[in-house]
All heavy atoms as atom14 arrays in JSON, in Angstrom:
{
  "sequence": "LAVPTPSGRQAQHCRALHKELPGNLDGRKRTSDPKDSDYMAAWGNPAI",
  "atom14_mask": [
    [1, 1, 1, 1, 1, 1, 1, 1, 0, 0, 0, 0, 0, 0],
    [1, 1, 1, 1, 1, 0, 0, 0, 0, 0, 0, 0, 0, 0],
    [1, 1, 1, 1, 1, 1, 1, 0, 0, 0, 0, 0, 0, 0],
    [1, 1, 1, 1, 1, 1, 1, 0, 0, 0, 0, 0, 0, 0],
    [1, 1, 1, 1, 1, 1, 1, 0, 0, 0, 0, 0, 0, 0],
    [1, 1, 1, 1, 1, 1, 1, 0, 0, 0, 0, 0, 0, 0],
    [1, 1, 1, 1, 1, 1, 0, 0, 0, 0, 0, 0, 0, 0],
    [1, 1, 1, 1, 0, 0, 0, 0, 0, 0, 0, 0, 0, 0],
    [1, 1, 1, 1, 1, 1, 1, 1, 1, 1, 1, 0, 0, 0],
    [1, 1, 1, 1, 1, 1, 1, 1, 1, 0, 0, 0, 0, 0],
    [1, 1, 1, 1, 1, 0, 0, 0, 0, 0, 0, 0, 0, 0],
    [1, 1, 1, 1, 1, 1, 1, 1, 1, 0, 0, 0, 0, 0],
    [1, 1, 1, 1, 1, 1, 1, 1, 1, 1, 0, 0, 0, 0],
    [1, 1, 1, 1, 1, 1, 0, 0, 0, 0, 0, 0, 0, 0],
    [1, 1, 1, 1, 1, 1, 1, 1, 1, 1, 1, 0, 0, 0],
    [1, 1, 1, 1, 1, 0, 0, 0, 0, 0, 0, 0, 0, 0],
    [1, 1, 1, 1, 1, 1, 1, 1, 0, 0, 0, 0, 0, 0],
    [1, 1, 1, 1, 1, 1, 1, 1, 1, 1, 0, 0, 0, 0],
    [1, 1, 1, 1, 1, 1, 1, 1, 1, 0, 0, 0, 0, 0],
    [1, 1, 1, 1, 1, 1, 1, 1, 1, 0, 0, 0, 0, 0],
    [1, 1, 1, 1, 1, 1, 1, 1, 0, 0, 0, 0, 0, 0],
    [1, 1, 1, 1, 1, 1, 1, 0, 0, 0, 0, 0, 0, 0],
    [1, 1, 1, 1, 0, 0, 0, 0, 0, 0, 0, 0, 0, 0],
    [1, 1, 1, 1, 1, 1, 1, 1, 0, 0, 0, 0, 0, 0],
    [1, 1, 1, 1, 1, 1, 1, 1, 0, 0, 0, 0, 0, 0],
    [1, 1, 1, 1, 1, 1, 1, 1, 0, 0, 0, 0, 0, 0],
    [1, 1, 1, 1, 0, 0, 0, 0, 0, 0, 0, 0, 0, 0],
    [1, 1, 1, 1, 1, 1, 1, 1, 1, 1, 1, 0, 0, 0],
    [1, 1, 1, 1, 1, 1, 1, 1, 1, 0, 0, 0, 0, 0],
    [1, 1, 1, 1, 1, 1, 1, 1, 1, 1, 1, 0, 0, 0],
    [1, 1, 1, 1, 1, 1, 1, 0, 0, 0, 0, 0, 0, 0],
    [1, 1, 1, 1, 1, 1, 0, 0, 0, 0, 0, 0, 0, 0],
    [1, 1, 1, 1, 1, 1, 1, 1, 0, 0, 0, 0, 0, 0],
    [1, 1, 1, 1, 1, 1, 1, 0, 0, 0, 0, 0, 0, 0],
    [1, 1, 1, 1, 1, 1, 1, 1, 1, 0, 0, 0, 0, 0],
    [1, 1, 1, 1, 1, 1, 1, 1, 0, 0, 0, 0, 0, 0],
    [1, 1, 1, 1, 1, 1, 0, 0, 0, 0, 0, 0, 0, 0],
    [1, 1, 1, 1, 1, 1, 1, 1, 0, 0, 0, 0, 0, 0],
    [1, 1, 1, 1, 1, 1, 1, 1, 1, 1, 1, 1, 0, 0],
    [1, 1, 1, 1, 1, 1, 1, 1, 0, 0, 0, 0, 0, 0],
    [1, 1, 1, 1, 1, 0, 0, 0, 0, 0, 0, 0, 0, 0],
    [1, 1, 1, 1, 1, 0, 0, 0, 0, 0, 0, 0, 0, 0],
    [1, 1, 1, 1, 1, 1, 1, 1, 1, 1, 1, 1, 1, 1],
    [1, 1, 1, 1, 0, 0, 0, 0, 0, 0, 0, 0, 0, 0],
    [1, 1, 1, 1, 1, 1, 1, 1, 0, 0, 0, 0, 0, 0],
    [1, 1, 1, 1, 1, 1, 1, 0, 0, 0, 0, 0, 0, 0],
    [1, 1, 1, 1, 1, 0, 0, 0, 0, 0, 0, 0, 0, 0],
    [1, 1, 1, 1, 1, 1, 1, 1, 0, 0, 0, 0, 0, 0]
  ],
  "atom14_positions": [
    [[0.84, -1.19, 0.0], [0.0, 0.0, 0.0], [0.86, 1.24, 0.01], [0.55, 2.23, 0.65], [-0.97, -0.03, 1.19], [-2.03, -1.12, 1.09], [-2.94, -1.1, 2.33], [-2.87, -0.95, -0.15], [0.0, 0.0, 0.0], [0.0, 0.0, 0.0], [0.0, 0.0, 0.0], [0.0, 0.0, 0.0], [0.0, 0.0, 0.0], [0.0, 0.0, 0.0]],
    [[1.96, 1.21, -0.74], [2.83, 2.37, -0.9], [2.16, 3.4, -1.75], [1.26, 3.1, -2.59], [4.14, 1.95, -1.53], [0.0, 0.0, 0.0], [0.0, 0.0, 0.0], [0.0, 0.0, 0.0], [0.0, 0.0, 0.0], [0.0, 0.0, 0.0], [0.0, 0.0, 0.0], [0.0, 0.0, 0.0], [0.0, 0.0, 0.0], [0.0, 0.0, 0.0]],
    [[2.52, 4.66, -1.59], [1.99, 5.75, -2.43], [2.46, 5.53, -3.85], [3.66, 5.42, -4.1], [2.43, 7.1, -1.89], [1.91, 8.22, -2.81], [1.93, 7.35, -0.46], [0.0, 0.0, 0.0], [0.0, 0.0, 0.0], [0.0, 0.0, 0.0], [0.0, 0.0, 0.0], [0.0, 0.0, 0.0], [0.0, 0.0, 0.0], [0.0, 0.0, 0.0]],
    [[1.54, 5.47, -4.84], [1.96, 5.31, -6.24], [2.67, 6.55, -6.73], [2.56, 7.64, -6.17], [0.63, 5.14, -6.96], [-0.42, 4.9, -5.93], [0.1, 5.45, -4.64], [0.0, 0.0, 0.0], [0.0, 0.0, 0.0], [0.0, 0.0, 0.0], [0.0, 0.0, 0.0], [0.0, 0.0, 0.0], [0.0, 0.0, 0.0], [0.0, 0.0, 0.0]],
    [[3.34, 6.4, -7.86], [4.06, 7.53, -8.46], [3.75, 7.61, -9.96], [4.61, 7.4, -10.81], [5.59, 7.38, -8.25], [6.01, 6.12, -8.8], [5.97, 7.47, -6.78], [0.0, 0.0, 0.0], [0.0, 0.0, 0.0], [0.0, 0.0, 0.0], [0.0, 0.0, 0.0], [0.0, 0.0, 0.0], [0.0, 0.0, 0.0], [0.0, 0.0, 0.0]],
    [[2.49, 7.89, -10.3], [2.12, 8.0, -11.7], [2.77, 9.26, -12.29], [3.16, 10.17, -11.6], [0.6, 8.13, -11.67], [0.3, 8.78, -10.35], [1.36, 8.25, -9.4], [0.0, 0.0, 0.0], [0.0, 0.0, 0.0], [0.0, 0.0, 0.0], [0.0, 0.0, 0.0], [0.0, 0.0, 0.0], [0.0, 0.0, 0.0], [0.0, 0.0, 0.0]],
    [[2.8, 9.25, -13.62], [3.35, 10.46, -14.3], [2.41, 10.83, -15.46], [1.49, 10.09, -15.77], [4.77, 10.19, -14.8], [4.73, 9.11, -15.73], [0.0, 0.0, 0.0], [0.0, 0.0, 0.0], [0.0, 0.0, 0.0], [0.0, 0.0, 0.0], [0.0, 0.0, 0.0], [0.0, 0.0, 0.0], [0.0, 0.0, 0.0], [0.0, 0.0, 0.0]],
    [[2.68, 11.98, -16.0], [1.91, 12.43, -17.17], [0.42, 12.52, -16.97], [-0.05, 13.01, -15.92], [0.0, 0.0, 0.0], [0.0, 0.0, 0.0], [0.0, 0.0, 0.0], [0.0, 0.0, 0.0], [0.0, 0.0, 0.0], [0.0, 0.0, 0.0], [0.0, 0.0, 0.0], [0.0, 0.0, 0.0], [0.0, 0.0, 0.0], [0.0, 0.0, 0.0]],
    [[-0.32, 12.04, -17.96], [-1.77, 12.08, -17.89], [-2.35, 11.33, -16.71], [-3.33, 11.74, -16.12], [-2.38, 11.55, -19.2], [-2.23, 12.48, -20.35], [-2.97, 11.91, -21.54], [-4.39, 11.97, -21.27], [-5.29, 12.42, -22.14], [-4.92, 12.85, -23.3], [-6.57, 12.44, -21.82], [0.0, 0.0, 0.0], [0.0, 0.0, 0.0], [0.0, 0.0, 0.0]],
    [[-1.73, 10.17, -16.36], [-2.25, 9.44, -15.24], [-2.2, 10.29, -13.95], [-3.14, 10.3, -13.17], [-1.51, 8.14, -15.05], [-1.84, 7.12, -16.12], [-1.27, 5.76, -15.81], [-0.87, 5.45, -14.7], [-1.23, 4.88, -16.82], [0.0, 0.0, 0.0], [0.0, 0.0, 0.0], [0.0, 0.0, 0.0], [0.0, 0.0, 0.0], [0.0, 0.0, 0.0]],
    [[-1.07, 10.96, -13.75], [-0.95, 11.82, -12.58], [-1.98, 12.91, -12.57], [-2.6, 13.25, -11.55], [0.46, 12.4, -12.49], [0.0, 0.0, 0.0], [0.0, 0.0, 0.0], [0.0, 0.0, 0.0], [0.0, 0.0, 0.0], [0.0, 0.0, 0.0], [0.0, 0.0, 0.0], [0.0, 0.0, 0.0], [0.0, 0.0, 0.0], [0.0, 0.0, 0.0]],
    [[-2.2, 13.51, -13.73], [-3.22, 14.55, -13.88], [-4.61, 14.05, -13.53], [-5.38, 14.67, -12.81], [-3.19, 15.08, -15.32], [-4.12, 16.21, -15.61], [-4.02, 16.67, -17.07], [-3.38, 16.02, -17.9], [-4.64, 17.79, -17.35], [0.0, 0.0, 0.0], [0.0, 0.0, 0.0], [0.0, 0.0, 0.0], [0.0, 0.0, 0.0], [0.0, 0.0, 0.0]],
    [[-4.96, 12.86, -14.02], [-6.26, 12.22, -13.7], [-6.37, 11.94, -12.26], [-7.45, 12.15, -11.65], [-6.48, 10.95, -14.52], [-6.58, 11.19, -16.03], [-7.32, 12.2, -16.57], [-6.03, 10.48, -17.03], [-7.2, 12.13, -17.92], [-6.44, 11.09, -18.19], [0.0, 0.0, 0.0], [0.0, 0.0, 0.0], [0.0, 0.0, 0.0], [0.0, 0.0, 0.0]],
    [[-5.32, 11.46, -11.64], [-5.34, 11.11, -10.18], [-5.5, 12.36, -9.34], [-6.25, 12.33, -8.35], [-4.06, 10.38, -9.82], [-3.97, 8.71, -10.51], [0.0, 0.0, 0.0], [0.0, 0.0, 0.0], [0.0, 0.0, 0.0], [0.0, 0.0, 0.0], [0.0, 0.0, 0.0], [0.0, 0.0, 0.0], [0.0, 0.0, 0.0], [0.0, 0.0, 0.0]],
    [[-4.88, 13.45, -9.73], [-5.07, 14.7, -8.96], [-6.55, 15.17, -9.08], [-7.12, 15.68, -8.13], [-4.11, 15.78, -9.46], [-2.69, 15.54, -8.96], [-1.74, 16.72, -9.21], [-1.58, 16.99, -10.63], [-0.61, 16.4, -11.39], [0.21, 15.56, -10.86], [-0.52, 16.7, -12.67], [0.0, 0.0, 0.0], [0.0, 0.0, 0.0], [0.0, 0.0, 0.0]],
    [[-7.12, 15.02, -10.27], [-8.54, 15.38, -10.45], [-9.43, 14.48, -9.61], [-10.37, 14.96, -8.99], [-8.91, 15.29, -11.94], [0.0, 0.0, 0.0], [0.0, 0.0, 0.0], [0.0, 0.0, 0.0], [0.0, 0.0, 0.0], [0.0, 0.0, 0.0], [0.0, 0.0, 0.0], [0.0, 0.0, 0.0], [0.0, 0.0, 0.0], [0.0, 0.0, 0.0]],
    [[-9.11, 13.17, -9.54], [-9.87, 12.27, -8.69], [-9.79, 12.67, -7.23], [-10.78, 12.65, -6.52], [-9.37, 10.83, -8.9], [-9.97, 9.78, -7.96], [-11.47, 9.66, -8.13], [-9.29, 8.43, -8.22], [0.0, 0.0, 0.0], [0.0, 0.0, 0.0], [0.0, 0.0, 0.0], [0.0, 0.0, 0.0], [0.0, 0.0, 0.0], [0.0, 0.0, 0.0]],
    [[-8.58, 13.0, -6.81], [-8.37, 13.37, -5.41], [-9.32, 14.52, -4.99], [-9.82, 14.5, -3.86], [-6.91, 13.8, -5.22], [-6.51, 14.02, -3.83], [-6.23, 12.98, -2.96], [-6.35, 15.15, -3.09], [-5.94, 13.45, -1.78], [-6.01, 14.76, -1.81], [0.0, 0.0, 0.0], [0.0, 0.0, 0.0], [0.0, 0.0, 0.0], [0.0, 0.0, 0.0]],
    [[-9.55, 15.46, -5.9], [-10.46, 16.57, -5.57], [-11.92, 16.14, -5.48], [-12.73, 16.83, -4.87], [-10.32, 17.66, -6.65], [-8.97, 18.35, -6.63], [-8.85, 19.33, -7.76], [-7.44, 19.91, -7.76], [-7.23, 20.76, -8.97], [0.0, 0.0, 0.0], [0.0, 0.0, 0.0], [0.0, 0.0, 0.0], [0.0, 0.0, 0.0], [0.0, 0.0, 0.0]],
    [[-12.27, 15.01, -6.08], [-13.65, 14.54, -6.1], [-13.95, 13.55, -4.99], [-15.11, 13.17, -4.79], [-13.93, 13.85, -7.44], [-13.87, 14.76, -8.64], [-14.95, 15.83, -8.62], [-16.04, 15.63, -8.11], [-14.65, 16.94, -9.15], [0.0, 0.0, 0.0], [0.0, 0.0, 0.0], [0.0, 0.0, 0.0], [0.0, 0.0, 0.0], [0.0, 0.0, 0.0]],
    [[-12.91, 13.09, -4.25], [-13.13, 12.06, -3.23], [-14.02, 12.55, -2.08], [-13.89, 13.68, -1.64], [-11.79, 11.6, -2.67], [-10.91, 10.86, -3.67], [-9.55, 10.57, -3.04], [-11.55, 9.57, -4.15], [0.0, 0.0, 0.0], [0.0, 0.0, 0.0], [0.0, 0.0, 0.0], [0.0, 0.0, 0.0], [0.0, 0.0, 0.0], [0.0, 0.0, 0.0]],
    [[-14.89, 11.68, -1.57], [-15.77, 12.09, -0.48], [-15.0, 12.17, 0.86], [-14.02, 11.48, 1.04], [-16.8, 10.97, -0.42], [-16.13, 9.77, -1.02], [-15.17, 10.32, -2.05], [0.0, 0.0, 0.0], [0.0, 0.0, 0.0], [0.0, 0.0, 0.0], [0.0, 0.0, 0.0], [0.0, 0.0, 0.0], [0.0, 0.0, 0.0], [0.0, 0.0, 0.0]],
    [[-15.5, 13.02, 1.76], [-14.91, 13.11, 3.1], [-15.25, 11.93, 3.98], [-14.54, 11.57, 4.88], [0.0, 0.0, 0.0], [0.0, 0.0, 0.0], [0.0, 0.0, 0.0], [0.0, 0.0, 0.0], [0.0, 0.0, 0.0], [0.0, 0.0, 0.0], [0.0, 0.0, 0.0], [0.0, 0.0, 0.0], [0.0, 0.0, 0.0], [0.0, 0.0, 0.0]],
    [[-16.41, 11.33, 3.67], [-16.86, 10.13, 4.41], [-17.23, 9.06, 3.42], [-17.73, 9.36, 2.33], [-18.13, 10.48, 5.27], [-17.77, 11.33, 6.45], [-17.12, 10.84, 7.37], [-18.18, 12.56, 6.48], [0.0, 0.0, 0.0], [0.0, 0.0, 0.0], [0.0, 0.0, 0.0], [0.0, 0.0, 0.0], [0.0, 0.0, 0.0], [0.0, 0.0, 0.0]],
    [[-16.94, 7.85, 3.82], [-17.22, 6.7, 2.94], [-17.81, 5.62, 3.83], [-17.18, 5.11, 4.75], [-15.9, 6.21, 2.34], [-15.91, 5.29, 1.16], [-16.72, 5.92, 0.0], [-14.51, 4.98, 0.7], [0.0, 0.0, 0.0], [0.0, 0.0, 0.0], [0.0, 0.0, 0.0], [0.0, 0.0, 0.0], [0.0, 0.0, 0.0], [0.0, 0.0, 0.0]],
    [[-19.09, 5.38, 3.58], [-19.82, 4.36, 4.35], [-19.72, 4.6, 5.85], [-19.47, 3.71, 6.67], [-19.34, 2.93, 3.99], [-20.29, 1.85, 4.49], [-21.52, 2.07, 4.45], [-19.79, 0.8, 4.9], [0.0, 0.0, 0.0], [0.0, 0.0, 0.0], [0.0, 0.0, 0.0], [0.0, 0.0, 0.0], [0.0, 0.0, 0.0], [0.0, 0.0, 0.0]],
    [[-19.81, 5.87, 6.22], [-19.79, 6.23, 7.67], [-18.37, 6.34, 8.22], [-18.2, 6.58, 9.42], [0.0, 0.0, 0.0], [0.0, 0.0, 0.0], [0.0, 0.0, 0.0], [0.0, 0.0, 0.0], [0.0, 0.0, 0.0], [0.0, 0.0, 0.0], [0.0, 0.0, 0.0], [0.0, 0.0, 0.0], [0.0, 0.0, 0.0], [0.0, 0.0, 0.0]],
    [[-17.37, 6.13, 7.39], [-16.0, 6.19, 7.86], [-15.41, 7.54, 7.43], [-15.47, 7.88, 6.23], [-15.16, 5.06, 7.26], [-15.57, 3.7, 7.76], [-14.88, 2.62, 6.96], [-15.27, 1.32, 7.43], [-14.44, 0.36, 7.78], [-13.12, 0.54, 7.69], [-14.88, -0.79, 8.19], [0.0, 0.0, 0.0], [0.0, 0.0, 0.0], [0.0, 0.0, 0.0]],
    [[-14.82, 8.24, 8.36], [-14.23, 9.55, 8.07], [-12.85, 9.38, 7.41], [-12.09, 8.49, 7.72], [-14.07, 10.33, 9.4], [-13.64, 11.73, 9.18], [-13.59, 12.5, 10.51], [-13.11, 13.9, 10.24], [-13.08, 14.68, 11.46], [0.0, 0.0, 0.0], [0.0, 0.0, 0.0], [0.0, 0.0, 0.0], [0.0, 0.0, 0.0], [0.0, 0.0, 0.0]],
    [[-12.62, 10.29, 6.46], [-11.33, 10.28, 5.79], [-10.22, 10.59, 6.81], [-10.34, 11.49, 7.61], [-11.31, 11.31, 4.67], [-10.05, 11.28, 3.89], [-10.31, 11.48, 2.43], [-9.05, 11.67, 1.78], [-8.88, 12.46, 0.77], [-9.9, 13.15, 0.28], [-7.69, 12.59, 0.24], [0.0, 0.0, 0.0], [0.0, 0.0, 0.0], [0.0, 0.0, 0.0]],
    [[-9.15, 9.8, 6.75], [-8.08, 9.95, 7.74], [-7.06, 10.95, 7.23], [-7.0, 11.27, 6.03], [-7.38, 8.59, 8.01], [-6.76, 8.16, 6.79], [-8.35, 7.56, 8.5], [0.0, 0.0, 0.0], [0.0, 0.0, 0.0], [0.0, 0.0, 0.0], [0.0, 0.0, 0.0], [0.0, 0.0, 0.0], [0.0, 0.0, 0.0], [0.0, 0.0, 0.0]],
    [[-6.22, 11.4, 8.15], [-5.13, 12.29, 7.75], [-3.81, 11.57, 7.89], [-2.86, 12.04, 8.46], [-5.14, 13.55, 8.61], [-5.04, 13.19, 9.98], [0.0, 0.0, 0.0], [0.0, 0.0, 0.0], [0.0, 0.0, 0.0], [0.0, 0.0, 0.0], [0.0, 0.0, 0.0], [0.0, 0.0, 0.0], [0.0, 0.0, 0.0], [0.0, 0.0, 0.0]],
    [[-3.81, 10.33, 7.31], [-2.6, 9.51, 7.34], [-1.45, 10.26, 6.65], [-1.65, 10.92, 5.62], [-2.92, 8.22, 6.55], [-1.78, 7.26, 6.5], [-1.05, 7.12, 7.48], [-1.6, 6.64, 5.45], [0.0, 0.0, 0.0], [0.0, 0.0, 0.0], [0.0, 0.0, 0.0], [0.0, 0.0, 0.0], [0.0, 0.0, 0.0], [0.0, 0.0, 0.0]],
    [[-0.26, 10.17, 7.17], [0.89, 10.82, 6.55], [1.13, 10.37, 5.11], [1.72, 11.12, 4.34], [2.09, 10.49, 7.44], [1.59, 9.57, 8.49], [0.11, 9.46, 8.38], [0.0, 0.0, 0.0], [0.0, 0.0, 0.0], [0.0, 0.0, 0.0], [0.0, 0.0, 0.0], [0.0, 0.0, 0.0], [0.0, 0.0, 0.0], [0.0, 0.0, 0.0]],
    [[0.66, 9.2, 4.74], [0.82, 8.76, 3.35], [-0.18, 9.42, 2.41], [-0.02, 9.34, 1.21], [0.61, 7.23, 3.24], [1.65, 6.39, 3.87], [1.31, 4.93, 3.6], [2.3, 3.97, 4.16], [1.93, 2.57, 3.9], [0.0, 0.0, 0.0], [0.0, 0.0, 0.0], [0.0, 0.0, 0.0], [0.0, 0.0, 0.0], [0.0, 0.0, 0.0]],
    [[-1.18, 10.09, 3.0], [-2.19, 10.72, 2.15], [-1.54, 11.67, 1.16], [-0.74, 12.53, 1.57], [-3.21, 11.42, 3.02], [-4.51, 11.73, 2.3], [-4.75, 11.18, 1.2], [-5.28, 12.56, 2.82], [0.0, 0.0, 0.0], [0.0, 0.0, 0.0], [0.0, 0.0, 0.0], [0.0, 0.0, 0.0], [0.0, 0.0, 0.0], [0.0, 0.0, 0.0]],
    [[-1.85, 11.53, -0.08], [-1.3, 12.35, -1.13], [-2.35, 12.52, -2.23], [-3.44, 12.05, -2.06], [-0.06, 11.7, -1.68], [-0.37, 10.61, -2.54], [0.0, 0.0, 0.0], [0.0, 0.0, 0.0], [0.0, 0.0, 0.0], [0.0, 0.0, 0.0], [0.0, 0.0, 0.0], [0.0, 0.0, 0.0], [0.0, 0.0, 0.0], [0.0, 0.0, 0.0]],
    [[-1.96, 13.15, -3.3], [-2.86, 13.26, -4.43], [-3.15, 11.9, -5.08], [-4.03, 11.79, -5.92], [-2.32, 14.19, -5.48], [-2.4, 15.67, -5.09], [-3.11, 15.98, -4.11], [-1.73, 16.49, -5.75], [0.0, 0.0, 0.0], [0.0, 0.0, 0.0], [0.0, 0.0, 0.0], [0.0, 0.0, 0.0], [0.0, 0.0, 0.0], [0.0, 0.0, 0.0]],
    [[-2.39, 10.9, -4.7], [-2.53, 9.56, -5.3], [-3.0, 8.48, -4.34], [-3.07, 7.32, -4.71], [-1.17, 9.13, -5.88], [-0.55, 10.2, -6.72], [0.72, 10.71, -6.44], [-1.21, 10.76, -7.8], [1.29, 11.73, -7.18], [-0.65, 11.76, -8.58], [0.61, 12.23, -8.27], [1.16, 13.23, -9.04], [0.0, 0.0, 0.0], [0.0, 0.0, 0.0]],
    [[-3.32, 8.91, -3.11], [-3.74, 7.92, -2.11], [-4.65, 8.56, -1.08], [-4.47, 9.73, -0.72], [-2.52, 7.35, -1.43], [-2.76, 6.19, -0.5], [-1.14, 5.46, -0.06], [-1.69, 4.25, 1.07], [0.0, 0.0, 0.0], [0.0, 0.0, 0.0], [0.0, 0.0, 0.0], [0.0, 0.0, 0.0], [0.0, 0.0, 0.0], [0.0, 0.0, 0.0]],
    [[-5.65, 7.79, -0.61], [-6.53, 8.28, 0.46], [-7.01, 7.09, 1.28], [-6.98, 5.94, 0.79], [-7.72, 9.01, -0.13], [0.0, 0.0, 0.0], [0.0, 0.0, 0.0], [0.0, 0.0, 0.0], [0.0, 0.0, 0.0], [0.0, 0.0, 0.0], [0.0, 0.0, 0.0], [0.0, 0.0, 0.0], [0.0, 0.0, 0.0], [0.0, 0.0, 0.0]],
    [[-7.42, 7.36, 2.51], [-7.93, 6.27, 3.37], [-9.08, 6.79, 4.19], [-9.15, 7.98, 4.54], [-6.77, 5.8, 4.28], [0.0, 0.0, 0.0], [0.0, 0.0, 0.0], [0.0, 0.0, 0.0], [0.0, 0.0, 0.0], [0.0, 0.0, 0.0], [0.0, 0.0, 0.0], [0.0, 0.0, 0.0], [0.0, 0.0, 0.0], [0.0, 0.0, 0.0]],
    [[-9.97, 5.85, 4.56], [-11.11, 6.15, 5.36], [-11.21, 5.12, 6.48], [-11.17, 3.91, 6.19], [-12.41, 6.08, 4.54], [-12.5, 7.14, 3.48], [-13.15, 8.34, 3.58], [-12.0, 7.09, 2.15], [-13.04, 9.03, 2.39], [-12.33, 8.28, 1.49], [-11.23, 6.17, 1.43], [-11.96, 8.57, 0.19], [-10.86, 6.43, 0.14], [-11.24, 7.61, -0.48]],
    [[-11.4, 5.56, 7.71], [-11.69, 4.68, 8.83], [-10.52, 3.88, 9.34], [-9.39, 4.01, 8.9], [0.0, 0.0, 0.0], [0.0, 0.0, 0.0], [0.0, 0.0, 0.0], [0.0, 0.0, 0.0], [0.0, 0.0, 0.0], [0.0, 0.0, 0.0], [0.0, 0.0, 0.0], [0.0, 0.0, 0.0], [0.0, 0.0, 0.0], [0.0, 0.0, 0.0]],
    [[-10.86, 3.0, 10.36], [-9.85, 2.13, 10.95], [-10.57, 0.84, 11.34], [-11.45, 0.89, 12.19], [-9.22, 2.79, 12.16], [-8.11, 1.97, 12.76], [-7.61, 1.06, 12.14], [-7.73, 2.32, 14.0], [0.0, 0.0, 0.0], [0.0, 0.0, 0.0], [0.0, 0.0, 0.0], [0.0, 0.0, 0.0], [0.0, 0.0, 0.0], [0.0, 0.0, 0.0]],
    [[-10.27, -0.34, 10.75], [-9.24, -0.5, 9.75], [-9.63, 0.23, 8.47], [-10.78, 0.36, 8.13], [-9.16, -2.0, 9.54], [-10.49, -2.52, 9.98], [-10.97, -1.56, 11.04], [0.0, 0.0, 0.0], [0.0, 0.0, 0.0], [0.0, 0.0, 0.0], [0.0, 0.0, 0.0], [0.0, 0.0, 0.0], [0.0, 0.0, 0.0], [0.0, 0.0, 0.0]],
    [[-8.64, 0.69, 7.76], [-8.83, 1.63, 6.65], [-9.28, 0.97, 5.37], [-8.83, -0.13, 5.02], [-7.53, 2.4, 6.41], [0.0, 0.0, 0.0], [0.0, 0.0, 0.0], [0.0, 0.0, 0.0], [0.0, 0.0, 0.0], [0.0, 0.0, 0.0], [0.0, 0.0, 0.0], [0.0, 0.0, 0.0], [0.0, 0.0, 0.0], [0.0, 0.0, 0.0]],
    [[-10.18, 1.67, 4.69], [-10.46, 1.43, 3.3], [-9.43, 2.31, 2.59], [-9.39, 3.54, 2.82], [-11.87, 1.86, 2.91], [-12.9, 0.97, 3.65], [-12.07, 1.76, 1.4], [-14.31, 1.51, 3.56], [0.0, 0.0, 0.0], [0.0, 0.0, 0.0], [0.0, 0.0, 0.0], [0.0, 0.0, 0.0], [0.0, 0.0, 0.0], [0.0, 0.0, 0.0]]
  ]
}
């Protein structure tokens, strides 16, 4: 579950996705995990 390192168009699409991600997912709050980046997100514990 390492942070991916896309480039080019894939990175652009992933940054756009990051802006669309919900703050809550099935009642689980988005975490502020240090791995959180434009390419990774997590909700709850244990995390989705």
